[in-house]
Protein backbone atom coordinates (compact mmCIF):
# COMPACT_ATOMS: atom_id res chain seq x y z
CA UNK A 1 10.81 19.81 -7.25
CA UNK A 2 7.94 22.23 -7.36
CA UNK A 3 5.28 23.30 -4.90
CA UNK A 4 2.87 20.81 -6.48
CA UNK A 5 5.15 17.89 -5.62
CA UNK A 6 5.29 18.95 -1.99
CA UNK A 7 1.53 19.47 -1.80
CA UNK A 8 0.86 16.05 -3.35
CA UNK A 9 3.18 14.44 -0.80
CA UNK A 10 1.41 16.28 2.02
CA UNK A 11 -2.01 15.27 0.69
CA UNK A 12 -0.95 11.63 0.35
CA UNK A 13 0.41 11.56 3.91
CA UNK A 14 -2.74 13.21 5.23
CA UNK A 15 -5.00 10.71 3.46
CA UNK A 16 -2.93 7.80 4.77
CA UNK A 17 -3.26 9.27 8.26
CA UNK A 18 -7.03 9.70 7.94
CA UNK A 19 -7.40 6.15 6.62
CA UNK A 20 -5.27 4.81 9.47
CA UNK A 21 -7.17 6.75 12.12
CA UNK A 22 -10.52 5.52 10.84
CA UNK A 23 -9.60 1.87 10.32
CA UNK A 24 -7.27 1.06 13.24
CA UNK A 25 -8.57 -0.76 16.27
CA UNK A 26 -5.44 -0.28 18.35
CA UNK A 27 -5.24 3.12 20.05
CA UNK A 28 -1.45 3.30 19.49
CA UNK A 29 -2.04 2.95 15.73
CA UNK A 30 -4.64 5.71 15.89
CA UNK A 31 -2.15 8.02 17.62
CA UNK A 32 0.48 7.23 14.98
CA UNK A 33 -2.03 8.06 12.24
CA UNK A 34 -2.76 11.41 13.87
CA UNK A 35 0.99 12.09 13.90
CA UNK A 36 1.08 11.39 10.15
CA UNK A 37 -1.61 14.03 9.66
CA UNK A 38 0.41 16.54 11.71
CA UNK A 39 3.50 15.80 9.60
CA UNK A 40 1.51 16.31 6.40
CA UNK A 41 0.48 19.75 7.66
CA UNK A 42 4.12 20.52 8.50
CA UNK A 43 5.24 19.55 4.98
CA UNK A 44 2.63 21.88 3.49
CA UNK A 45 3.63 24.75 5.78
CA UNK A 46 7.32 24.32 5.01
CA UNK A 47 6.63 24.09 1.26
CA UNK A 48 4.48 27.23 1.23
CA UNK A 49 7.10 29.05 3.27
CA UNK A 50 9.91 27.97 0.91
CA UNK A 51 8.14 28.75 -2.35
CA UNK A 52 6.00 31.79 -1.49
CA UNK A 53 8.04 33.64 1.16
CA UNK A 54 11.61 32.31 1.17
CA UNK A 55 12.87 35.17 3.34
CA UNK A 56 10.13 34.77 5.98
CA UNK A 57 10.13 32.41 8.92
CA UNK A 58 6.41 32.33 9.72
CA UNK A 59 5.83 28.93 8.07
CA UNK A 60 8.80 27.36 9.83
CA UNK A 61 7.76 28.87 13.16
CA UNK A 62 4.26 27.47 12.78
CA UNK A 63 5.68 24.06 11.82
CA UNK A 64 7.88 24.10 14.92
CA UNK A 65 4.83 24.98 17.03
CA UNK A 66 2.90 22.05 15.48
CA UNK A 67 5.79 19.67 16.25
CA UNK A 68 5.74 20.85 19.87
CA UNK A 69 1.97 20.38 20.15
CA UNK A 70 2.25 16.94 18.53
CA UNK A 71 4.89 15.89 21.04
CA UNK A 72 2.70 17.03 23.92
CA UNK A 73 -0.26 15.20 22.37
CA UNK A 74 1.74 11.97 22.20
CA UNK A 75 2.79 12.25 25.84
CA UNK A 76 -0.77 12.88 27.04
CA UNK A 77 -2.19 10.22 24.72
CA UNK A 78 0.25 7.55 25.87
CA UNK A 79 -0.36 8.46 29.51
CA UNK A 80 -4.10 8.03 28.95
CA UNK A 81 -3.56 4.73 27.16
CA UNK A 82 -1.44 3.42 30.02
CA UNK A 83 -4.00 4.52 32.60
CA UNK A 84 -6.85 2.89 30.68
CA UNK A 85 -4.80 -0.26 30.07
CA UNK A 86 -4.29 -0.65 33.81
CA UNK A 87 -8.07 -0.60 34.32
CA UNK A 88 -9.36 -2.43 31.23
CA UNK A 89 -6.29 -4.53 30.31
CA UNK A 90 -6.88 -3.76 26.63
CA UNK A 91 -5.57 -1.22 24.12
CA UNK A 92 -8.35 -1.64 21.56
CA UNK A 93 -10.51 1.43 20.93
CA UNK A 94 -13.82 -0.47 21.02
CA UNK A 95 -13.08 -1.72 24.53
CA UNK A 96 -12.96 1.83 25.96
CA UNK A 97 -16.43 2.12 27.42
CA UNK A 98 -15.48 3.84 30.66
CA UNK A 99 -18.02 6.65 30.20
CA UNK A 100 -20.99 4.32 29.87
CA UNK A 101 -23.00 4.42 33.11
């Protein structure tokens, strides 16, 4: 497998994530689509690290940092979803109108 294969896989995952984030009505599905986009970025970072600088660890370190940020994003996102569900009793994105006066 070459760098092109890895980049095509990363691009496909990213496009699936963007499509999912734009078309989902359920906020849990939107969060899962954002995770797909993070994983696509991690695949690209790991591929560039492996093929361009195999002795370096910068790409893997950055990928590990992105995984940590993604885990924190999921925890905060699910906490917000649970808090909003308790008030609105819905998990659909179009029902979140809490900021309207």
